[in-house]
Protein backbone atom coordinates (compact mmCIF):
# COMPACT_ATOMS: atom_id res chain seq x y z
CA MET A 1 39.45 4.67 -25.43
CA GLU A 2 41.30 1.22 -26.14
CA ILE A 3 40.50 -2.07 -26.18
CA LYS A 4 43.40 -5.01 -26.61
CA SER A 5 43.43 -8.92 -25.12
CA SER A 6 46.39 -10.94 -23.22
CA ALA A 7 45.33 -13.80 -25.92
CA PHE A 8 45.76 -11.68 -29.23
CA LYS A 9 47.76 -8.54 -30.52
CA ALA A 10 45.92 -6.56 -32.49
CA GLY A 11 45.70 -7.13 -36.26
CA GLU A 12 47.36 -10.78 -35.50
CA SER A 13 45.61 -14.39 -35.53
CA ILE A 14 43.26 -15.29 -32.97
CA PRO A 15 44.57 -19.00 -31.15
CA PRO A 16 42.70 -22.03 -32.03
CA LYS A 17 41.27 -21.85 -28.29
CA TYR A 18 38.82 -19.60 -28.93
CA THR A 19 37.98 -20.90 -32.42
CA CYS A 20 35.38 -23.27 -33.44
CA ASP A 21 38.49 -25.68 -34.00
CA ASN A 22 39.04 -26.34 -30.80
CA ILE A 23 37.06 -25.36 -27.32
CA ASP A 24 35.29 -22.38 -28.76
CA VAL A 25 36.10 -19.56 -25.40
CA SER A 26 35.86 -16.34 -24.91
CA PRO A 27 39.43 -14.46 -25.19
CA HIS A 28 40.26 -11.67 -22.08
CA LEU A 29 39.15 -8.36 -23.00
CA GLU A 30 40.71 -5.21 -21.35
CA TRP A 31 40.09 -1.75 -21.63
CA SER A 32 41.23 1.80 -20.42
CA LYS A 33 40.62 5.57 -21.29
CA VAL A 34 37.28 5.42 -20.54
CA PRO A 35 34.73 8.64 -20.84
CA ASP A 36 34.02 9.87 -17.55
CA SER A 37 30.10 9.79 -18.01
CA THR A 38 29.89 6.09 -18.88
CA LYS A 39 27.56 3.98 -17.34
CA THR A 40 27.54 1.12 -19.16
CA PHE A 41 29.75 -1.27 -22.05
CA ALA A 42 28.34 -2.96 -25.44
CA LEU A 43 30.46 -5.26 -26.81
CA ILE A 44 30.27 -6.59 -30.62
CA VAL A 45 31.73 -8.83 -31.79
CA ASP A 46 31.14 -9.58 -35.90
CA ASP A 47 32.87 -10.59 -38.91
CA PRO A 48 32.64 -8.62 -42.27
CA ASP A 49 34.57 -11.14 -44.75
CA ALA A 50 31.70 -13.84 -44.15
CA PRO A 51 30.77 -15.17 -47.91
CA SER A 52 27.35 -13.86 -47.14
CA GLY A 53 27.96 -10.42 -45.31
CA THR A 54 29.01 -9.35 -41.88
CA TYR A 55 28.46 -12.51 -40.17
CA VAL A 56 27.90 -11.34 -35.93
CA HIS A 57 30.09 -13.78 -33.10
CA TRP A 58 28.72 -11.71 -29.95
CA VAL A 59 26.29 -9.76 -28.64
CA MET A 60 25.76 -8.02 -25.28
CA PHE A 61 25.76 -5.11 -22.90
CA ASN A 62 24.82 -3.29 -19.80
CA ILE A 63 28.80 -4.01 -18.68
CA PRO A 64 28.60 -1.90 -15.26
CA GLY A 65 30.58 1.40 -16.17
CA ASN A 66 33.28 0.97 -13.78
CA GLN A 67 34.40 -2.92 -14.76
CA ARG A 68 37.52 -2.39 -17.37
CA GLU A 69 37.96 -6.18 -18.64
CA LEU A 70 35.81 -9.74 -19.22
CA PRO A 71 37.92 -12.72 -18.10
CA GLU A 72 38.51 -15.36 -20.39
CA ASN A 73 35.42 -17.84 -21.04
CA ILE A 74 32.71 -15.47 -20.40
CA PRO A 75 29.59 -18.35 -19.69
CA THR A 76 26.95 -18.46 -22.53
CA THR A 77 24.32 -17.34 -20.58
CA GLU A 78 20.97 -14.60 -21.43
CA THR A 79 22.46 -12.28 -17.85
CA LEU A 80 25.83 -12.76 -16.03
CA GLU A 81 26.45 -12.42 -12.17
CA ASN A 82 26.86 -9.13 -12.50
CA GLY A 83 23.83 -7.71 -14.30
CA THR A 84 25.50 -7.55 -17.89
CA ILE A 85 23.36 -8.89 -20.77
CA GLN A 86 23.96 -10.68 -23.70
CA GLY A 87 22.43 -11.04 -26.89
CA MET A 88 22.21 -13.33 -30.18
CA ASN A 89 25.08 -14.20 -31.94
CA ASP A 90 24.30 -15.62 -36.24
CA PHE A 91 24.96 -19.04 -34.80
CA GLY A 92 21.59 -18.68 -33.53
CA LYS A 93 22.69 -18.87 -30.03
CA ILE A 94 23.53 -16.59 -27.41
CA GLY A 95 26.69 -15.15 -26.19
CA TYR A 96 30.33 -15.96 -27.75
CA GLY A 97 30.62 -18.03 -30.75
CA GLY A 98 34.40 -17.82 -32.09
CA PRO A 99 35.69 -17.77 -35.40
CA CYS A 100 35.06 -20.22 -37.58
CA PRO A 101 35.41 -19.15 -41.13
CA PRO A 102 34.78 -21.61 -43.89
CA GLY A 103 37.42 -20.45 -46.46
CA GLY A 104 40.64 -18.13 -46.02
CA THR A 105 41.97 -15.51 -44.06
CA HIS A 106 39.01 -13.52 -42.15
CA ARG A 107 38.90 -10.66 -39.34
CA TYR A 108 37.32 -10.31 -36.35
CA TYR A 109 35.99 -7.00 -35.02
CA PHE A 110 35.66 -6.18 -31.21
CA LYS A 111 34.09 -3.26 -31.15
CA LEU A 112 33.49 -1.82 -27.57
CA TYR A 113 31.26 1.02 -26.86
CA ALA A 114 31.13 3.30 -23.75
CA LEU A 115 27.43 4.36 -23.25
CA ASP A 116 25.56 7.17 -21.45
CA ALA A 117 22.61 4.78 -19.78
CA GLU A 118 21.80 1.67 -18.86
CA LEU A 119 19.89 0.19 -21.87
CA ASP A 120 16.50 -1.06 -21.47
CA ALA A 121 16.80 -4.31 -24.21
CA LYS A 122 16.09 -8.39 -23.50
CA PRO A 123 18.12 -11.06 -23.56
CA ALA A 124 18.50 -12.87 -26.99
CA ILE A 125 18.79 -9.07 -28.26
CA THR A 126 20.30 -8.89 -32.27
CA LYS A 127 23.07 -7.01 -33.33
CA LYS A 128 20.77 -4.27 -35.26
CA GLU A 129 18.55 -3.77 -32.15
CA LEU A 130 21.26 -3.02 -30.37
CA LEU A 131 22.61 -0.90 -32.25
CA LYS A 132 19.21 0.72 -32.34
CA ALA A 133 18.98 0.82 -28.49
CA MET A 134 22.07 2.34 -27.92
CA ASP A 135 22.23 4.47 -30.76
CA ILE A 136 22.21 8.37 -28.95
CA HIS A 137 24.00 6.82 -25.70
CA VAL A 138 27.44 6.27 -27.78
CA LEU A 139 29.72 8.32 -25.66
CA GLU A 140 33.25 6.91 -27.03
CA GLU A 141 34.01 3.44 -29.26
CA ALA A 142 37.35 1.35 -29.64
CA GLU A 143 37.80 -1.62 -31.73
CA LEU A 144 39.76 -4.63 -32.06
CA MET A 145 40.91 -6.27 -34.42
CA GLY A 146 41.93 -10.56 -34.97
CA ARG A 147 42.42 -12.93 -37.72
CA TYR A 148 41.87 -16.22 -38.25
CA LYS A 149 42.53 -18.75 -40.85
CA ARG A 150 41.03 -22.35 -40.36
CA LYS A 151 43.73 -25.33 -40.65
CA LEU A 152 41.34 -27.56 -42.54
């Protein structure tokens, strides 16, 4: 499975538009080479370089299995029109919270999971809770890493 974005290339800098230094909207993501038995997808975005340990920026699940992209600027609501459910990020909010490192260049991992089931979980789930809920359902995963350094 592969995941990419039209907003930035793997390993390159995430544009300020998608960060706390600008309008902080989620970037466009698209994926391909999906396992045939995929029922849903889950997405976790986190920053392993945060001073306090890995910082979670986005948690979502039950993305329909026939979907191959997320448009830019996903609403920060618990449930989207297509049934996708969003969890809680470490900013204490539902949905996407963009890069906002306190200093230095940080790496941001967009991890997409192909699952063999729809998850029976509630909105506002945490990354830890989502990982536990999808544990035996992961068929395959892919990741896209982008970097960001604030210009303070």
